[in-house]
Amino acid sequence: MTIKPLIILPDPVLRQISRPVETVDAEILRLADDMLDTMYDAPGIGLAAIQIGVDRRMLVIDVAKEGEEKQPLVFINPEIVSSGSERSVYEEGCLSIPDYYAEVERPAVVTVRYIDREGKEQTTEADGLLATCLQHEIDHLNGTLFIDHISKLKREIVIRKFAKAAKLRGSKAI
């Protein structure tokens, strides 16, 4: 298991639409373990494969509270099959947009179909933080970031800030 470097805004990789996983094999299970290690190290509660530069429809989540036993979840080829009409607002952050948080409104309940670590198709109904996290990470698989759900003005300010920081990092490497 390896901690992988995170892809950071404004890297265009974050806007790619991820390709489906064809087979749950040893390589995919190793990727799941690497993703969990990377997420826990960051620390975060969710991570999509594209955030470590892997173009696959796969994500990991653990919404256990601090001090509770870890509850790692692996979702392969997840898709939202239904959403409730009730909405909820959470302050979201993202490992690919470090130290920036914004309130995002999303459906309060979602039903997600996915393949588990054993290669079996599963369906889960999620609410609360898990529902928000699933929607956030599935957005990543579709090239969407949580800042796409905030006002255009705020989004542009965030993008400019991260583009400037990326330029500064680039100039230091010269």
C-alpha atoms as a PDB file:
ATOM      1  CA  MET A   1       0.000   0.000   0.000  1.00  0.00           C
ATOM      2  CA  THR A   2       1.278   3.378  -1.040  1.00  0.00           C
ATOM      3  CA  ILE A   3       0.360   6.978  -0.362  1.00  0.00           C
ATOM      4  CA  LYS A   4      -0.083   8.652  -3.749  1.00  0.00           C
ATOM      5  CA  PRO A   5       0.387  12.350  -4.581  1.00  0.00           C
ATOM      6  CA  LEU A   6      -2.869  14.289  -4.929  1.00  0.00           C
ATOM      7  CA  ILE A   7      -3.859  16.134  -8.090  1.00  0.00           C
ATOM      8  CA  ILE A   8      -4.515  19.792  -7.173  1.00  0.00           C
ATOM      9  CA  LEU A   9      -6.654  22.443  -8.887  1.00  0.00           C
ATOM     10  CA  PRO A  10      -6.163  23.815 -11.608  1.00  0.00           C
ATOM     11  CA  ASP A  11      -4.788  20.531 -13.042  1.00  0.00           C
ATOM     12  CA  PRO A  12      -7.019  19.664 -16.052  1.00  0.00           C
ATOM     13  CA  VAL A  13      -6.949  15.967 -15.034  1.00  0.00           C
ATOM     14  CA  LEU A  14      -9.620  16.868 -12.470  1.00  0.00           C
ATOM     15  CA  ARG A  15     -12.005  17.704 -15.344  1.00  0.00           C
ATOM     16  CA  GLN A  16     -11.638  14.305 -17.048  1.00  0.00           C
ATOM     17  CA  ILE A  17     -14.539  11.889 -17.114  1.00  0.00           C
ATOM     18  CA  SER A  18     -13.312   8.626 -15.598  1.00  0.00           C
ATOM     19  CA  ARG A  19     -13.548   5.317 -17.456  1.00  0.00           C
ATOM     20  CA  PRO A  20     -15.404   2.329 -15.984  1.00  0.00           C
ATOM     21  CA  VAL A  21     -13.529  -0.446 -14.200  1.00  0.00           C
ATOM     22  CA  GLU A  22     -13.767  -3.568 -16.381  1.00  0.00           C
ATOM     23  CA  THR A  23     -12.779  -6.221 -13.825  1.00  0.00           C
ATOM     24  CA  VAL A  24     -12.313  -6.275 -10.076  1.00  0.00           C
ATOM     25  CA  ASP A  25      -8.869  -7.870  -9.914  1.00  0.00           C
ATOM     26  CA  ALA A  26      -5.741  -7.671  -7.735  1.00  0.00           C
ATOM     27  CA  GLU A  27      -4.687  -4.412  -9.409  1.00  0.00           C
ATOM     28  CA  ILE A  28      -8.028  -2.736  -8.616  1.00  0.00           C
ATOM     29  CA  LEU A  29      -7.934  -4.004  -5.021  1.00  0.00           C
ATOM     30  CA  ARG A  30      -4.382  -2.643  -4.643  1.00  0.00           C
ATOM     31  CA  LEU A  31      -5.603   0.687  -6.034  1.00  0.00           C
ATOM     32  CA  ALA A  32      -8.450   0.693  -3.472  1.00  0.00           C
ATOM     33  CA  ASP A  33      -5.951   0.121  -0.644  1.00  0.00           C
ATOM     34  CA  ASP A  34      -3.627   2.854  -1.977  1.00  0.00           C
ATOM     35  CA  MET A  35      -6.576   5.236  -2.229  1.00  0.00           C
ATOM     36  CA  LEU A  36      -7.626   4.505   1.357  1.00  0.00           C
ATOM     37  CA  ASP A  37      -4.055   5.035   2.606  1.00  0.00           C
ATOM     38  CA  THR A  38      -3.839   8.310   0.673  1.00  0.00           C
ATOM     39  CA  MET A  39      -7.232   9.493   1.958  1.00  0.00           C
ATOM     40  CA  TYR A  40      -6.417   8.686   5.593  1.00  0.00           C
ATOM     41  CA  ASP A  41      -2.980  10.318   5.298  1.00  0.00           C
ATOM     42  CA  ALA A  42      -4.355  13.561   3.797  1.00  0.00           C
ATOM     43  CA  PRO A  43      -6.587  13.395   6.002  1.00  0.00           C
ATOM     44  CA  GLY A  44      -9.948  13.237   4.244  1.00  0.00           C
ATOM     45  CA  ILE A  45     -13.248  11.358   4.251  1.00  0.00           C
ATOM     46  CA  GLY A  46     -13.488  10.617   0.527  1.00  0.00           C
ATOM     47  CA  LEU A  47     -11.259  10.224  -2.517  1.00  0.00           C
ATOM     48  CA  ALA A  48     -11.935   9.522  -6.181  1.00  0.00           C
ATOM     49  CA  ALA A  49      -9.318   7.672  -8.241  1.00  0.00           C
ATOM     50  CA  ILE A  50      -8.949  10.646 -10.609  1.00  0.00           C
ATOM     51  CA  GLN A  51      -7.656  12.698  -7.661  1.00  0.00           C
ATOM     52  CA  ILE A  52      -4.517  10.560  -7.713  1.00  0.00           C
ATOM     53  CA  GLY A  53      -4.361  10.615 -11.511  1.00  0.00           C
ATOM     54  CA  VAL A  54      -6.035   7.243 -12.127  1.00  0.00           C
ATOM     55  CA  ASP A  55      -8.710   7.431 -14.813  1.00  0.00           C
ATOM     56  CA  ARG A  56     -11.110   4.860 -13.315  1.00  0.00           C
ATOM     57  CA  ARG A  57     -14.654   5.113 -11.923  1.00  0.00           C
ATOM     58  CA  MET A  58     -13.769   4.252  -8.371  1.00  0.00           C
ATOM     59  CA  LEU A  59     -13.930   5.994  -5.015  1.00  0.00           C
ATOM     60  CA  VAL A  60     -13.312   5.363  -1.351  1.00  0.00           C
ATOM     61  CA  ILE A  61     -15.087   6.887   1.646  1.00  0.00           C
ATOM     62  CA  ASP A  62     -14.893   6.701   5.415  1.00  0.00           C
ATOM     63  CA  VAL A  63     -17.255   9.002   7.311  1.00  0.00           C
ATOM     64  CA  ALA A  64     -16.525   7.488  10.751  1.00  0.00           C
ATOM     65  CA  LYS A  65     -16.084  10.197  13.356  1.00  0.00           C
ATOM     66  CA  GLU A  66     -12.724  10.812  14.968  1.00  0.00           C
ATOM     67  CA  GLY A  67     -12.127   8.270  17.711  1.00  0.00           C
ATOM     68  CA  GLU A  68     -14.486   5.718  16.121  1.00  0.00           C
ATOM     69  CA  GLU A  69     -13.250   2.577  14.416  1.00  0.00           C
ATOM     70  CA  LYS A  70     -12.475   3.099  10.721  1.00  0.00           C
ATOM     71  CA  GLN A  71     -15.287   2.134   8.344  1.00  0.00           C
ATOM     72  CA  PRO A  72     -13.651   2.122   4.880  1.00  0.00           C
ATOM     73  CA  LEU A  73     -16.034   1.832   1.939  1.00  0.00           C
ATOM     74  CA  VAL A  74     -15.020   1.098  -1.664  1.00  0.00           C
ATOM     75  CA  PHE A  75     -17.348   1.953  -4.556  1.00  0.00           C
ATOM     76  CA  ILE A  76     -16.463   0.693  -8.035  1.00  0.00           C
ATOM     77  CA  ASN A  77     -18.402   2.118 -11.004  1.00  0.00           C
ATOM     78  CA  PRO A  78     -20.826   3.946  -8.683  1.00  0.00           C
ATOM     79  CA  GLU A  79     -23.887   5.645 -10.102  1.00  0.00           C
ATOM     80  CA  ILE A  80     -26.687   7.554  -8.464  1.00  0.00           C
ATOM     81  CA  VAL A  81     -29.898   5.786  -9.436  1.00  0.00           C
ATOM     82  CA  SER A  82     -32.269   8.043  -7.490  1.00  0.00           C
ATOM     83  CA  SER A  83     -32.258  11.169  -5.339  1.00  0.00           C
ATOM     84  CA  GLY A  84     -34.748  12.323  -2.743  1.00  0.00           C
ATOM     85  CA  SER A  85     -36.532  15.646  -3.200  1.00  0.00           C
ATOM     86  CA  GLU A  86     -35.440  16.954   0.208  1.00  0.00           C
ATOM     87  CA  ARG A  87     -32.248  19.043   0.146  1.00  0.00           C
ATOM     88  CA  SER A  88     -29.460  19.501   2.663  1.00  0.00           C
ATOM     89  CA  VAL A  89     -26.526  21.884   2.944  1.00  0.00           C
ATOM     90  CA  TYR A  90     -23.043  20.862   4.073  1.00  0.00           C
ATOM     91  CA  GLU A  91     -19.827  22.800   4.204  1.00  0.00           C
ATOM     92  CA  GLU A  92     -17.696  20.875   1.732  1.00  0.00           C
ATOM     93  CA  GLY A  93     -13.967  20.781   1.207  1.00  0.00           C
ATOM     94  CA  CYS A  94     -11.817  18.777  -1.167  1.00  0.00           C
ATOM     95  CA  LEU A  95      -8.359  17.228  -1.005  1.00  0.00           C
ATOM     96  CA  SER A  96      -7.757  18.580  -4.533  1.00  0.00           C
ATOM     97  CA  ILE A  97      -8.722  22.118  -3.438  1.00  0.00           C
ATOM     98  CA  PRO A  98      -6.871  22.304  -0.105  1.00  0.00           C
ATOM     99  CA  ASP A  99      -7.961  24.714   2.622  1.00  0.00           C
ATOM    100  CA  TYR A 100     -11.045  25.974   0.771  1.00  0.00           C
ATOM    101  CA  TYR A 101     -14.561  25.264   2.049  1.00  0.00           C
ATOM    102  CA  ALA A 102     -18.002  26.323   0.868  1.00  0.00           C
ATOM    103  CA  GLU A 103     -21.608  25.466   1.612  1.00  0.00           C
ATOM    104  CA  VAL A 104     -23.114  23.244  -1.079  1.00  0.00           C
ATOM    105  CA  GLU A 105     -26.749  22.208  -1.371  1.00  0.00           C
ATOM    106  CA  ARG A 106     -27.437  18.684  -2.603  1.00  0.00           C
ATOM    107  CA  PRO A 107     -30.167  16.043  -2.314  1.00  0.00           C
ATOM    108  CA  ALA A 108     -30.361  14.810   1.300  1.00  0.00           C
ATOM    109  CA  VAL A 109     -30.858  11.159   0.272  1.00  0.00           C
ATOM    110  CA  VAL A 110     -29.414   9.229  -2.670  1.00  0.00           C
ATOM    111  CA  THR A 111     -29.532   5.636  -3.821  1.00  0.00           C
ATOM    112  CA  VAL A 112     -26.266   4.447  -5.349  1.00  0.00           C
ATOM    113  CA  ARG A 113     -25.613   1.290  -7.358  1.00  0.00           C
ATOM    114  CA  TYR A 114     -21.999   0.090  -7.409  1.00  0.00           C
ATOM    115  CA  ILE A 115     -19.677  -2.908  -7.421  1.00  0.00           C
ATOM    116  CA  ASP A 116     -17.995  -3.849  -4.135  1.00  0.00           C
ATOM    117  CA  ARG A 117     -14.487  -5.215  -3.444  1.00  0.00           C
ATOM    118  CA  GLU A 118     -15.715  -8.759  -4.082  1.00  0.00           C
ATOM    119  CA  GLY A 119     -17.000  -7.813  -7.551  1.00  0.00           C
ATOM    120  CA  LYS A 120     -20.659  -8.026  -6.508  1.00  0.00           C
ATOM    121  CA  GLU A 121     -23.237  -5.444  -7.532  1.00  0.00           C
ATOM    122  CA  GLN A 122     -24.689  -3.590  -4.547  1.00  0.00           C
ATOM    123  CA  THR A 123     -27.230  -0.850  -3.959  1.00  0.00           C
ATOM    124  CA  THR A 124     -27.156   1.434  -0.948  1.00  0.00           C
ATOM    125  CA  GLU A 125     -29.395   4.240   0.210  1.00  0.00           C
ATOM    126  CA  ALA A 126     -27.425   6.987   1.900  1.00  0.00           C
ATOM    127  CA  ASP A 127     -28.365  10.098   3.831  1.00  0.00           C
ATOM    128  CA  GLY A 128     -26.535  12.732   5.859  1.00  0.00           C
ATOM    129  CA  LEU A 129     -22.787  13.077   5.427  1.00  0.00           C
ATOM    130  CA  LEU A 130     -22.481   9.792   3.493  1.00  0.00           C
ATOM    131  CA  ALA A 131     -24.996  11.014   0.875  1.00  0.00           C
ATOM    132  CA  THR A 132     -23.115  14.299   0.494  1.00  0.00           C
ATOM    133  CA  CYS A 133     -19.749  12.547   0.277  1.00  0.00           C
ATOM    134  CA  LEU A 134     -20.996  10.050  -2.328  1.00  0.00           C
ATOM    135  CA  GLN A 135     -22.370  12.866  -4.493  1.00  0.00           C
ATOM    136  CA  HIS A 136     -19.139  14.872  -4.128  1.00  0.00           C
ATOM    137  CA  GLU A 137     -16.932  11.907  -5.113  1.00  0.00           C
ATOM    138  CA  ILE A 138     -19.197  10.720  -7.957  1.00  0.00           C
ATOM    139  CA  ASP A 139     -19.042  14.296  -9.271  1.00  0.00           C
ATOM    140  CA  HIS A 140     -15.241  13.863  -9.458  1.00  0.00           C
ATOM    141  CA  LEU A 141     -15.718  10.807 -11.675  1.00  0.00           C
ATOM    142  CA  ASN A 142     -17.716  13.017 -14.037  1.00  0.00           C
ATOM    143  CA  GLY A 143     -15.162  15.853 -14.094  1.00  0.00           C
ATOM    144  CA  THR A 144     -17.202  18.055 -11.749  1.00  0.00           C
ATOM    145  CA  LEU A 145     -15.803  19.777  -8.657  1.00  0.00           C
ATOM    146  CA  PHE A 146     -17.740  20.985  -5.619  1.00  0.00           C
ATOM    147  CA  ILE A 147     -16.879  24.564  -6.578  1.00  0.00           C
ATOM    148  CA  ASP A 148     -19.068  24.049  -9.668  1.00  0.00           C
ATOM    149  CA  HIS A 149     -22.013  24.116  -7.230  1.00  0.00           C
ATOM    150  CA  ILE A 150     -21.210  27.590  -5.835  1.00  0.00           C
ATOM    151  CA  SER A 151     -21.658  31.011  -7.410  1.00  0.00           C
ATOM    152  CA  LYS A 152     -19.697  31.785 -10.568  1.00  0.00           C
ATOM    153  CA  LEU A 153     -17.952  34.702  -8.868  1.00  0.00           C
ATOM    154  CA  LYS A 154     -16.740  32.618  -5.899  1.00  0.00           C
ATOM    155  CA  ARG A 155     -15.695  29.790  -8.246  1.00  0.00           C
ATOM    156  CA  GLU A 156     -13.639  32.150 -10.431  1.00  0.00           C
ATOM    157  CA  ILE A 157     -11.887  33.614  -7.380  1.00  0.00           C
ATOM    158  CA  VAL A 158     -10.940  30.108  -6.165  1.00  0.00           C
ATOM    159  CA  ILE A 159      -9.711  29.037  -9.605  1.00  0.00           C
ATOM    160  CA  ARG A 160      -7.591  32.205  -9.976  1.00  0.00           C
ATOM    161  CA  LYS A 161      -6.091  31.687  -6.510  1.00  0.00           C
ATOM    162  CA  PHE A 162      -5.100  28.091  -7.271  1.00  0.00           C
ATOM    163  CA  ALA A 163      -3.820  28.957 -10.763  1.00  0.00           C
ATOM    164  CA  LYS A 164      -1.583  31.638  -9.221  1.00  0.00           C
ATOM    165  CA  ALA A 165      -0.325  29.182  -6.564  1.00  0.00           C
ATOM    166  CA  ALA A 166       0.421  26.603  -9.296  1.00  0.00           C
ATOM    167  CA  LYS A 167       2.448  29.199 -11.230  1.00  0.00           C
ATOM    168  CA  LEU A 168       4.428  30.053  -8.093  1.00  0.00           C
ATOM    169  CA  ARG A 169       5.132  26.366  -7.443  1.00  0.00           C
ATOM    170  CA  GLY A 170       6.231  25.993 -11.065  1.00  0.00           C
ATOM    171  CA  SER A 171       8.593  28.987 -10.931  1.00  0.00           C
ATOM    172  CA  LYS A 172      10.296  27.640  -7.792  1.00  0.00           C
ATOM    173  CA  ALA A 173      11.129  24.410  -9.645  1.00  0.00           C
ATOM    174  CA  ILE A 174      13.146  26.266 -12.304  1.00  0.00           C
END
